[in-house]
Amino acid sequence: PERAHHLLGELVFSALEIADFEVELSPVPLELWATLGV
């Protein structure tokens, strides 16, 4: 989990640097995870 968290954070910071990327950090609805089955 530590490795996954580190890589996820690096991707977020990198995305925030890209001008035409609109980053959304609001929680993902639980219904979506249930639909995906994970």
PDB file of all heavy atoms in Angstrom:
ATOM      1  N   PRO A   1       0.817  -1.216   0.000  1.00  0.00           N
ATOM      2  CA  PRO A   1       0.000   0.000   0.000  1.00  0.00           C
ATOM      3  C   PRO A   1       0.853   1.269   0.000  1.00  0.00           C
ATOM      4  O   PRO A   1       0.490   2.260  -0.647  1.00  0.00           O
ATOM      5  CB  PRO A   1      -0.815  -0.124   1.291  1.00  0.00           C
ATOM      6  CG  PRO A   1      -0.861  -1.588   1.570  1.00  0.00           C
ATOM      7  CD  PRO A   1       0.460  -2.116   1.105  1.00  0.00           C
ATOM      8  N   GLU A   2       1.989   1.231   0.710  1.00  0.00           N
ATOM      9  CA  GLU A   2       2.848   2.412   0.760  1.00  0.00           C
ATOM     10  C   GLU A   2       3.351   2.786  -0.637  1.00  0.00           C
ATOM     11  O   GLU A   2       3.377   3.963  -1.004  1.00  0.00           O
ATOM     12  CB  GLU A   2       4.029   2.173   1.709  1.00  0.00           C
ATOM     13  CG  GLU A   2       3.658   2.049   3.174  1.00  0.00           C
ATOM     14  CD  GLU A   2       3.195   0.648   3.544  1.00  0.00           C
ATOM     15  OE1 GLU A   2       3.196  -0.238   2.652  1.00  0.00           O
ATOM     16  OE2 GLU A   2       2.831   0.442   4.721  1.00  0.00           O
ATOM     17  N   ARG A   3       3.744   1.769  -1.396  1.00  0.00           N
ATOM     18  CA  ARG A   3       4.233   2.017  -2.754  1.00  0.00           C
ATOM     19  C   ARG A   3       3.106   2.579  -3.626  1.00  0.00           C
ATOM     20  O   ARG A   3       3.315   3.534  -4.396  1.00  0.00           O
ATOM     21  CB  ARG A   3       4.756   0.711  -3.345  1.00  0.00           C
ATOM     22  CG  ARG A   3       5.169   0.770  -4.807  1.00  0.00           C
ATOM     23  CD  ARG A   3       6.364   1.655  -5.028  1.00  0.00           C
ATOM     24  NE  ARG A   3       6.819   1.579  -6.403  1.00  0.00           N
ATOM     25  CZ  ARG A   3       7.674   2.443  -6.952  1.00  0.00           C
ATOM     26  NH1 ARG A   3       8.163   3.455  -6.233  1.00  0.00           N
ATOM     27  NH2 ARG A   3       8.043   2.302  -8.205  1.00  0.00           N
ATOM     28  N   ALA A   4       1.913   2.013  -3.523  1.00  0.00           N
ATOM     29  CA  ALA A   4       0.783   2.500  -4.309  1.00  0.00           C
ATOM     30  C   ALA A   4       0.449   3.938  -3.948  1.00  0.00           C
ATOM     31  O   ALA A   4       0.184   4.768  -4.827  1.00  0.00           O
ATOM     32  CB  ALA A   4      -0.433   1.600  -4.092  1.00  0.00           C
ATOM     33  N   HIS A   5       0.475   4.250  -2.644  1.00  0.00           N
ATOM     34  CA  HIS A   5       0.175   5.616  -2.223  1.00  0.00           C
ATOM     35  C   HIS A   5       1.211   6.603  -2.743  1.00  0.00           C
ATOM     36  O   HIS A   5       0.869   7.715  -3.176  1.00  0.00           O
ATOM     37  CB  HIS A   5       0.109   5.686  -0.700  1.00  0.00           C
ATOM     38  CG  HIS A   5      -0.989   4.862  -0.110  1.00  0.00           C
ATOM     39  ND1 HIS A   5      -1.091   4.590   1.233  1.00  0.00           N
ATOM     40  CD2 HIS A   5      -2.054   4.228  -0.711  1.00  0.00           C
ATOM     41  CE1 HIS A   5      -2.161   3.842   1.457  1.00  0.00           C
ATOM     42  NE2 HIS A   5      -2.751   3.604   0.290  1.00  0.00           N
ATOM     43  N   HIS A   6       2.476   6.206  -2.720  1.00  0.00           N
ATOM     44  CA  HIS A   6       3.541   7.085  -3.210  1.00  0.00           C
ATOM     45  C   HIS A   6       3.351   7.393  -4.694  1.00  0.00           C
ATOM     46  O   HIS A   6       3.417   8.566  -5.122  1.00  0.00           O
ATOM     47  CB  HIS A   6       4.900   6.430  -2.986  1.00  0.00           C
ATOM     48  CG  HIS A   6       6.029   7.145  -3.662  1.00  0.00           C
ATOM     49  ND1 HIS A   6       6.550   8.340  -3.219  1.00  0.00           N
ATOM     50  CD2 HIS A   6       6.738   6.833  -4.806  1.00  0.00           C
ATOM     51  CE1 HIS A   6       7.509   8.739  -4.026  1.00  0.00           C
ATOM     52  NE2 HIS A   6       7.641   7.843  -4.994  1.00  0.00           N
ATOM     53  N   LEU A   7       3.097   6.358  -5.495  1.00  0.00           N
ATOM     54  CA  LEU A   7       2.947   6.564  -6.936  1.00  0.00           C
ATOM     55  C   LEU A   7       1.698   7.398  -7.248  1.00  0.00           C
ATOM     56  O   LEU A   7       1.714   8.240  -8.147  1.00  0.00           O
ATOM     57  CB  LEU A   7       2.876   5.219  -7.647  1.00  0.00           C
ATOM     58  CG  LEU A   7       4.142   4.354  -7.574  1.00  0.00           C
ATOM     59  CD1 LEU A   7       3.901   3.009  -8.242  1.00  0.00           C
ATOM     60  CD2 LEU A   7       5.327   5.069  -8.222  1.00  0.00           C
ATOM     61  N   LEU A   8       0.623   7.154  -6.495  1.00  0.00           N
ATOM     62  CA  LEU A   8      -0.590   7.937  -6.717  1.00  0.00           C
ATOM     63  C   LEU A   8      -0.343   9.413  -6.438  1.00  0.00           C
ATOM     64  O   LEU A   8      -0.783  10.292  -7.190  1.00  0.00           O
ATOM     65  CB  LEU A   8      -1.717   7.407  -5.826  1.00  0.00           C
ATOM     66  CG  LEU A   8      -3.112   8.006  -6.071  1.00  0.00           C
ATOM     67  CD1 LEU A   8      -3.626   7.633  -7.449  1.00  0.00           C
ATOM     68  CD2 LEU A   8      -4.084   7.550  -4.996  1.00  0.00           C
ATOM     69  N   GLY A   9       0.383   9.703  -5.359  1.00  0.00           N
ATOM     70  CA  GLY A   9       0.703  11.097  -5.043  1.00  0.00           C
ATOM     71  C   GLY A   9       1.554  11.744  -6.121  1.00  0.00           C
ATOM     72  O   GLY A   9       1.344  12.918  -6.471  1.00  0.00           O
ATOM     73  N   GLU A  10       2.517  10.998  -6.666  1.00  0.00           N
ATOM     74  CA  GLU A  10       3.354  11.545  -7.746  1.00  0.00           C
ATOM     75  C   GLU A  10       2.517  11.869  -8.973  1.00  0.00           C
ATOM     76  O   GLU A  10       2.734  12.896  -9.634  1.00  0.00           O
ATOM     77  CB  GLU A  10       4.462  10.543  -8.100  1.00  0.00           C
ATOM     78  CG  GLU A  10       5.520  10.356  -7.025  1.00  0.00           C
ATOM     79  CD  GLU A  10       6.270  11.648  -6.736  1.00  0.00           C
ATOM     80  OE1 GLU A  10       6.707  12.307  -7.699  1.00  0.00           O
ATOM     81  OE2 GLU A  10       6.396  12.007  -5.545  1.00  0.00           O
ATOM     82  N   LEU A  11       1.553  11.022  -9.276  1.00  0.00           N
ATOM     83  CA  LEU A  11       0.692  11.290 -10.429  1.00  0.00           C
ATOM     84  C   LEU A  11      -0.175  12.520 -10.201  1.00  0.00           C
ATOM     85  O   LEU A  11      -0.381  13.330 -11.111  1.00  0.00           O
ATOM     86  CB  LEU A  11      -0.188  10.067 -10.711  1.00  0.00           C
ATOM     87  CG  LEU A  11       0.521   8.862 -11.331  1.00  0.00           C
ATOM     88  CD1 LEU A  11      -0.395   7.650 -11.340  1.00  0.00           C
ATOM     89  CD2 LEU A  11       0.989   9.171 -12.748  1.00  0.00           C
ATOM     90  N   VAL A  12      -0.698  12.692  -8.987  1.00  0.00           N
ATOM     91  CA  VAL A  12      -1.514  13.868  -8.689  1.00  0.00           C
ATOM     92  C   VAL A  12      -0.699  15.144  -8.851  1.00  0.00           C
ATOM     93  O   VAL A  12      -1.124  16.100  -9.512  1.00  0.00           O
ATOM     94  CB  VAL A  12      -2.107  13.782  -7.271  1.00  0.00           C
ATOM     95  CG1 VAL A  12      -2.775  15.111  -6.901  1.00  0.00           C
ATOM     96  CG2 VAL A  12      -3.115  12.654  -7.173  1.00  0.00           C
ATOM     97  N   PHE A  13       0.492  15.184  -8.233  1.00  0.00           N
ATOM     98  CA  PHE A  13       1.318  16.386  -8.331  1.00  0.00           C
ATOM     99  C   PHE A  13       1.692  16.676  -9.781  1.00  0.00           C
ATOM    100  O   PHE A  13       1.712  17.831 -10.217  1.00  0.00           O
ATOM    101  CB  PHE A  13       2.580  16.241  -7.480  1.00  0.00           C
ATOM    102  CG  PHE A  13       2.354  16.505  -6.024  1.00  0.00           C
ATOM    103  CD1 PHE A  13       2.646  15.548  -5.068  1.00  0.00           C
ATOM    104  CD2 PHE A  13       1.841  17.721  -5.593  1.00  0.00           C
ATOM    105  CE1 PHE A  13       2.435  15.795  -3.717  1.00  0.00           C
ATOM    106  CE2 PHE A  13       1.634  17.982  -4.253  1.00  0.00           C
ATOM    107  CZ  PHE A  13       1.924  17.011  -3.307  1.00  0.00           C
ATOM    108  N   SER A  14       1.995  15.643 -10.550  1.00  0.00           N
ATOM    109  CA  SER A  14       2.361  15.848 -11.956  1.00  0.00           C
ATOM    110  C   SER A  14       1.163  16.378 -12.741  1.00  0.00           C
ATOM    111  O   SER A  14       1.308  17.296 -13.563  1.00  0.00           O
ATOM    112  CB  SER A  14       2.852  14.536 -12.565  1.00  0.00           C
ATOM    113  OG  SER A  14       3.118  14.699 -13.946  1.00  0.00           O
ATOM    114  N   ALA A  15      -0.036  15.827 -12.500  1.00  0.00           N
ATOM    115  CA  ALA A  15      -1.223  16.276 -13.217  1.00  0.00           C
ATOM    116  C   ALA A  15      -1.536  17.735 -12.913  1.00  0.00           C
ATOM    117  O   ALA A  15      -1.986  18.493 -13.788  1.00  0.00           O
ATOM    118  CB  ALA A  15      -2.411  15.395 -12.859  1.00  0.00           C
ATOM    119  N   LEU A  16      -1.306  18.162 -11.681  1.00  0.00           N
ATOM    120  CA  LEU A  16      -1.567  19.553 -11.306  1.00  0.00           C
ATOM    121  C   LEU A  16      -0.657  20.532 -12.040  1.00  0.00           C
ATOM    122  O   LEU A  16      -0.974  21.717 -12.148  1.00  0.00           O
ATOM    123  CB  LEU A  16      -1.398  19.728  -9.790  1.00  0.00           C
ATOM    124  CG  LEU A  16      -2.461  19.056  -8.917  1.00  0.00           C
ATOM    125  CD1 LEU A  16      -2.053  19.099  -7.449  1.00  0.00           C
ATOM    126  CD2 LEU A  16      -3.822  19.718  -9.098  1.00  0.00           C
ATOM    127  N   GLU A  17       0.473  20.040 -12.552  1.00  0.00           N
ATOM    128  CA  GLU A  17       1.422  20.904 -13.268  1.00  0.00           C
ATOM    129  C   GLU A  17       1.051  21.080 -14.742  1.00  0.00           C
ATOM    130  O   GLU A  17       1.597  21.956 -15.415  1.00  0.00           O
ATOM    131  CB  GLU A  17       2.837  20.314 -13.179  1.00  0.00           C
ATOM    132  CG  GLU A  17       3.451  20.341 -11.794  1.00  0.00           C
ATOM    133  CD  GLU A  17       3.946  21.716 -11.397  1.00  0.00           C
ATOM    134  OE1 GLU A  17       3.993  22.600 -12.276  1.00  0.00           O
ATOM    135  OE2 GLU A  17       4.274  21.917 -10.222  1.00  0.00           O
ATOM    136  N   ILE A  18       0.140  20.265 -15.259  1.00  0.00           N
ATOM    137  CA  ILE A  18      -0.170  20.282 -16.691  1.00  0.00           C
ATOM    138  C   ILE A  18      -1.350  21.226 -16.931  1.00  0.00           C
ATOM    139  O   ILE A  18      -2.422  21.075 -16.329  1.00  0.00           O
ATOM    140  CB  ILE A  18      -0.484  18.871 -17.203  1.00  0.00           C
ATOM    141  CG1 ILE A  18       0.735  17.959 -16.954  1.00  0.00           C
ATOM    142  CG2 ILE A  18      -0.847  18.895 -18.686  1.00  0.00           C
ATOM    143  CD1 ILE A  18       0.511  16.515 -17.342  1.00  0.00           C
ATOM    144  N   ALA A  19      -1.150  22.185 -17.823  1.00  0.00           N
ATOM    145  CA  ALA A  19      -2.093  23.296 -17.973  1.00  0.00           C
ATOM    146  C   ALA A  19      -3.495  22.842 -18.358  1.00  0.00           C
ATOM    147  O   ALA A  19      -4.481  23.358 -17.843  1.00  0.00           O
ATOM    148  CB  ALA A  19      -1.556  24.296 -18.998  1.00  0.00           C
ATOM    149  N   ASP A  20      -3.622  21.893 -19.294  1.00  0.00           N
ATOM    150  CA  ASP A  20      -4.958  21.535 -19.764  1.00  0.00           C
ATOM    151  C   ASP A  20      -5.531  20.310 -19.055  1.00  0.00           C
ATOM    152  O   ASP A  20      -6.527  19.739 -19.493  1.00  0.00           O
ATOM    153  CB  ASP A  20      -4.967  21.325 -21.279  1.00  0.00           C
ATOM    154  CG  ASP A  20      -4.091  20.168 -21.718  1.00  0.00           C
ATOM    155  OD1 ASP A  20      -3.242  19.721 -20.911  1.00  0.00           O
ATOM    156  OD2 ASP A  20      -4.243  19.702 -22.860  1.00  0.00           O
ATOM    157  N   PHE A  21      -4.913  19.881 -17.936  1.00  0.00           N
ATOM    158  CA  PHE A  21      -5.490  18.831 -17.097  1.00  0.00           C
ATOM    159  C   PHE A  21      -6.329  19.489 -16.005  1.00  0.00           C
ATOM    160  O   PHE A  21      -5.838  20.342 -15.267  1.00  0.00           O
ATOM    161  CB  PHE A  21      -4.396  17.996 -16.426  1.00  0.00           C
ATOM    162  CG  PHE A  21      -3.827  16.900 -17.290  1.00  0.00           C
ATOM    163  CD1 PHE A  21      -3.993  16.918 -18.665  1.00  0.00           C
ATOM    164  CD2 PHE A  21      -3.100  15.872 -16.724  1.00  0.00           C
ATOM    165  CE1 PHE A  21      -3.447  15.931 -19.459  1.00  0.00           C
ATOM    166  CE2 PHE A  21      -2.550  14.867 -17.505  1.00  0.00           C
ATOM    167  CZ  PHE A  21      -2.723  14.889 -18.875  1.00  0.00           C
ATOM    168  N   GLU A  22      -7.578  19.118 -15.901  1.00  0.00           N
ATOM    169  CA  GLU A  22      -8.424  19.560 -14.797  1.00  0.00           C
ATOM    170  C   GLU A  22      -8.504  18.410 -13.797  1.00  0.00           C
ATOM    171  O   GLU A  22      -9.117  17.375 -14.062  1.00  0.00           O
ATOM    172  CB  GLU A  22      -9.810  19.933 -15.297  1.00  0.00           C
ATOM    173  CG  GLU A  22     -10.741  20.420 -14.195  1.00  0.00           C
ATOM    174  CD  GLU A  22     -12.132  20.741 -14.717  1.00  0.00           C
ATOM    175  OE1 GLU A  22     -12.268  20.960 -15.933  1.00  0.00           O
ATOM    176  OE2 GLU A  22     -13.067  20.763 -13.894  1.00  0.00           O
ATOM    177  N   VAL A  23      -7.868  18.584 -12.638  1.00  0.00           N
ATOM    178  CA  VAL A  23      -7.765  17.521 -11.645  1.00  0.00           C
ATOM    179  C   VAL A  23      -8.939  17.621 -10.673  1.00  0.00           C
ATOM    180  O   VAL A  23      -9.200  18.683 -10.104  1.00  0.00           O
ATOM    181  CB  VAL A  23      -6.430  17.605 -10.882  1.00  0.00           C
ATOM    182  CG1 VAL A  23      -6.332  16.495  -9.839  1.00  0.00           C
ATOM    183  CG2 VAL A  23      -5.253  17.520 -11.855  1.00  0.00           C
ATOM    184  N   GLU A  24      -9.647  16.509 -10.480  1.00  0.00           N
ATOM    185  CA  GLU A  24     -10.772  16.445  -9.553  1.00  0.00           C
ATOM    186  C   GLU A  24     -10.396  15.515  -8.401  1.00  0.00           C
ATOM    187  O   GLU A  24     -10.151  14.319  -8.601  1.00  0.00           O
ATOM    188  CB  GLU A  24     -12.030  15.940 -10.250  1.00  0.00           C
ATOM    189  CG  GLU A  24     -12.486  16.839 -11.397  1.00  0.00           C
ATOM    190  CD  GLU A  24     -13.751  16.326 -12.068  1.00  0.00           C
ATOM    191  OE1 GLU A  24     -14.392  15.409 -11.501  1.00  0.00           O
ATOM    192  OE2 GLU A  24     -14.081  16.832 -13.149  1.00  0.00           O
ATOM    193  N   LEU A  25     -10.345  16.055  -7.186  1.00  0.00           N
ATOM    194  CA  LEU A  25      -9.930  15.290  -6.003  1.00  0.00           C
ATOM    195  C   LEU A  25     -11.090  15.002  -5.060  1.00  0.00           C
ATOM    196  O   LEU A  25     -10.869  14.534  -3.941  1.00  0.00           O
ATOM    197  CB  LEU A  25      -8.827  16.058  -5.255  1.00  0.00           C
ATOM    198  CG  LEU A  25      -7.525  16.260  -6.049  1.00  0.00           C
ATOM    199  CD1 LEU A  25      -6.554  17.136  -5.274  1.00  0.00           C
ATOM    200  CD2 LEU A  25      -6.875  14.911  -6.369  1.00  0.00           C
ATOM    201  N   SER A  26     -12.317  15.276  -5.487  1.00  0.00           N
ATOM    202  CA  SER A  26     -13.466  14.957  -4.644  1.00  0.00           C
ATOM    203  C   SER A  26     -13.630  13.441  -4.544  1.00  0.00           C
ATOM    204  O   SER A  26     -13.204  12.701  -5.434  1.00  0.00           O
ATOM    205  CB  SER A  26     -14.729  15.597  -5.223  1.00  0.00           C
ATOM    206  OG  SER A  26     -14.941  15.150  -6.552  1.00  0.00           O
ATOM    207  N   PRO A  27     -14.231  12.956  -3.458  1.00  0.00           N
ATOM    208  CA  PRO A  27     -14.367  11.501  -3.283  1.00  0.00           C
ATOM    209  C   PRO A  27     -15.140  10.851  -4.424  1.00  0.00           C
ATOM    210  O   PRO A  27     -16.112  11.396  -4.925  1.00  0.00           O
ATOM    211  CB  PRO A  27     -15.129  11.375  -1.955  1.00  0.00           C
ATOM    212  CG  PRO A  27     -14.869  12.661  -1.236  1.00  0.00           C
ATOM    213  CD  PRO A  27     -14.755  13.715  -2.300  1.00  0.00           C
ATOM    214  N   VAL A  28     -14.683   9.661  -4.813  1.00  0.00           N
ATOM    215  CA  VAL A  28     -15.396   8.893  -5.828  1.00  0.00           C
ATOM    216  C   VAL A  28     -16.619   8.259  -5.165  1.00  0.00           C
ATOM    217  O   VAL A  28     -16.505   7.647  -4.098  1.00  0.00           O
ATOM    218  CB  VAL A  28     -14.484   7.801  -6.410  1.00  0.00           C
ATOM    219  CG1 VAL A  28     -15.249   6.958  -7.430  1.00  0.00           C
ATOM    220  CG2 VAL A  28     -13.248   8.427  -7.054  1.00  0.00           C
ATOM    221  N   PRO A  29     -17.801   8.420  -5.738  1.00  0.00           N
ATOM    222  CA  PRO A  29     -19.008   7.859  -5.116  1.00  0.00           C
ATOM    223  C   PRO A  29     -18.885   6.358  -4.863  1.00  0.00           C
ATOM    224  O   PRO A  29     -18.366   5.605  -5.699  1.00  0.00           O
ATOM    225  CB  PRO A  29     -20.117   8.159  -6.131  1.00  0.00           C
ATOM    226  CG  PRO A  29     -19.592   9.329  -6.916  1.00  0.00           C
ATOM    227  CD  PRO A  29     -18.109   9.145  -6.985  1.00  0.00           C
ATOM    228  N   LEU A  30     -19.366   5.920  -3.709  1.00  0.00           N
ATOM    229  CA  LEU A  30     -19.306   4.495  -3.365  1.00  0.00           C
ATOM    230  C   LEU A  30     -20.092   3.656  -4.369  1.00  0.00           C
ATOM    231  O   LEU A  30     -19.747   2.496  -4.625  1.00  0.00           O
ATOM    232  CB  LEU A  30     -19.852   4.281  -1.953  1.00  0.00           C
ATOM    233  CG  LEU A  30     -19.028   4.907  -0.811  1.00  0.00           C
ATOM    234  CD1 LEU A  30     -19.725   4.680   0.518  1.00  0.00           C
ATOM    235  CD2 LEU A  30     -17.614   4.329  -0.788  1.00  0.00           C
ATOM    236  N   GLU A  31     -21.140   4.255  -4.945  1.00  0.00           N
ATOM    237  CA  GLU A  31     -21.936   3.512  -5.916  1.00  0.00           C
ATOM    238  C   GLU A  31     -21.108   3.101  -7.128  1.00  0.00           C
ATOM    239  O   GLU A  31     -21.343   2.042  -7.720  1.00  0.00           O
ATOM    240  CB  GLU A  31     -23.133   4.353  -6.380  1.00  0.00           C
ATOM    241  CG  GLU A  31     -24.170   4.628  -5.294  1.00  0.00           C
ATOM    242  CD  GLU A  31     -23.771   5.791  -4.395  1.00  0.00           C
ATOM    243  OE1 GLU A  31     -22.677   6.370  -4.613  1.00  0.00           O
ATOM    244  OE2 GLU A  31     -24.552   6.125  -3.487  1.00  0.00           O
ATOM    245  N   LEU A  32     -20.129   3.936  -7.502  1.00  0.00           N
ATOM    246  CA  LEU A  32     -19.287   3.591  -8.653  1.00  0.00           C
ATOM    247  C   LEU A  32     -18.432   2.376  -8.347  1.00  0.00           C
ATOM    248  O   LEU A  32     -18.317   1.461  -9.166  1.00  0.00           O
ATOM    249  CB  LEU A  32     -18.397   4.785  -9.028  1.00  0.00           C
ATOM    250  CG  LEU A  32     -17.386   4.531 -10.144  1.00  0.00           C
ATOM    251  CD1 LEU A  32     -18.088   4.127 -11.435  1.00  0.00           C
ATOM    252  CD2 LEU A  32     -16.524   5.769 -10.378  1.00  0.00           C
ATOM    253  N   TRP A  33     -17.827   2.353  -7.168  1.00  0.00           N
ATOM    254  CA  TRP A  33     -17.010   1.187  -6.802  1.00  0.00           C
ATOM    255  C   TRP A  33     -17.868  -0.074  -6.760  1.00  0.00           C
ATOM    256  O   TRP A  33     -17.435  -1.150  -7.189  1.00  0.00           O
ATOM    257  CB  TRP A  33     -16.335   1.412  -5.453  1.00  0.00           C
ATOM    258  CG  TRP A  33     -15.353   2.539  -5.444  1.00  0.00           C
ATOM    259  CD1 TRP A  33     -15.425   3.692  -4.719  1.00  0.00           C
ATOM    260  CD2 TRP A  33     -14.130   2.630  -6.185  1.00  0.00           C
ATOM    261  NE1 TRP A  33     -14.342   4.495  -4.966  1.00  0.00           N
ATOM    262  CE2 TRP A  33     -13.522   3.867  -5.863  1.00  0.00           C
ATOM    263  CE3 TRP A  33     -13.490   1.788  -7.097  1.00  0.00           C
ATOM    264  CZ2 TRP A  33     -12.312   4.279  -6.420  1.00  0.00           C
ATOM    265  CZ3 TRP A  33     -12.275   2.194  -7.645  1.00  0.00           C
ATOM    266  CH2 TRP A  33     -11.703   3.425  -7.313  1.00  0.00           C
ATOM    267  N   ALA A  34     -19.087   0.060  -6.229  1.00  0.00           N
ATOM    268  CA  ALA A  34     -19.975  -1.101  -6.171  1.00  0.00           C
ATOM    269  C   ALA A  34     -20.320  -1.592  -7.571  1.00  0.00           C
ATOM    270  O   ALA A  34     -20.370  -2.798  -7.831  1.00  0.00           O
ATOM    271  CB  ALA A  34     -21.248  -0.741  -5.400  1.00  0.00           C
ATOM    272  N   THR A  35     -20.538  -0.665  -8.502  1.00  0.00           N
ATOM    273  CA  THR A  35     -20.835  -1.046  -9.886  1.00  0.00           C
ATOM    274  C   THR A  35     -19.655  -1.766 -10.528  1.00  0.00           C
ATOM    275  O   THR A  35     -19.828  -2.728 -11.281  1.00  0.00           O
ATOM    276  CB  THR A  35     -21.203   0.202 -10.710  1.00  0.00           C
ATOM    277  OG1 THR A  35     -22.334   0.838 -10.120  1.00  0.00           O
ATOM    278  CG2 THR A  35     -21.520  -0.165 -12.145  1.00  0.00           C
ATOM    279  N   LEU A  36     -18.437  -1.284 -10.224  1.00  0.00           N
ATOM    280  CA  LEU A  36     -17.231  -1.914 -10.785  1.00  0.00           C
ATOM    281  C   LEU A  36     -16.913  -3.232 -10.103  1.00  0.00           C
ATOM    282  O   LEU A  36     -16.112  -4.026 -10.620  1.00  0.00           O
ATOM    283  CB  LEU A  36     -16.042  -0.956 -10.653  1.00  0.00           C
ATOM    284  CG  LEU A  36     -16.136   0.353 -11.440  1.00  0.00           C
ATOM    285  CD1 LEU A  36     -14.951   1.254 -11.119  1.00  0.00           C
ATOM    286  CD2 LEU A  36     -16.191   0.091 -12.933  1.00  0.00           C
ATOM    287  N   GLY A  37     -17.494  -3.474  -8.927  1.00  0.00           N
ATOM    288  CA  GLY A  37     -17.260  -4.729  -8.217  1.00  0.00           C
ATOM    289  C   GLY A  37     -15.930  -4.793  -7.506  1.00  0.00           C
ATOM    290  O   GLY A  37     -15.392  -5.893  -7.301  1.00  0.00           O
ATOM    291  N   VAL A  38     -15.372  -3.639  -7.130  1.00  0.00           N
ATOM    292  CA  VAL A  38     -14.103  -3.607  -6.403  1.00  0.00           C
ATOM    293  C   VAL A  38     -14.279  -2.752  -5.154  1.00  0.00           C
ATOM    294  O   VAL A  38     -15.131  -1.864  -5.108  1.00  0.00           O
ATOM    295  CB  VAL A  38     -12.961  -3.037  -7.269  1.00  0.00           C
ATOM    296  CG1 VAL A  38     -12.687  -3.935  -8.443  1.00  0.00           C
ATOM    297  CG2 VAL A  38     -13.309  -1.631  -7.759  1.00  0.00           C
TER     298      VAL A  38
END
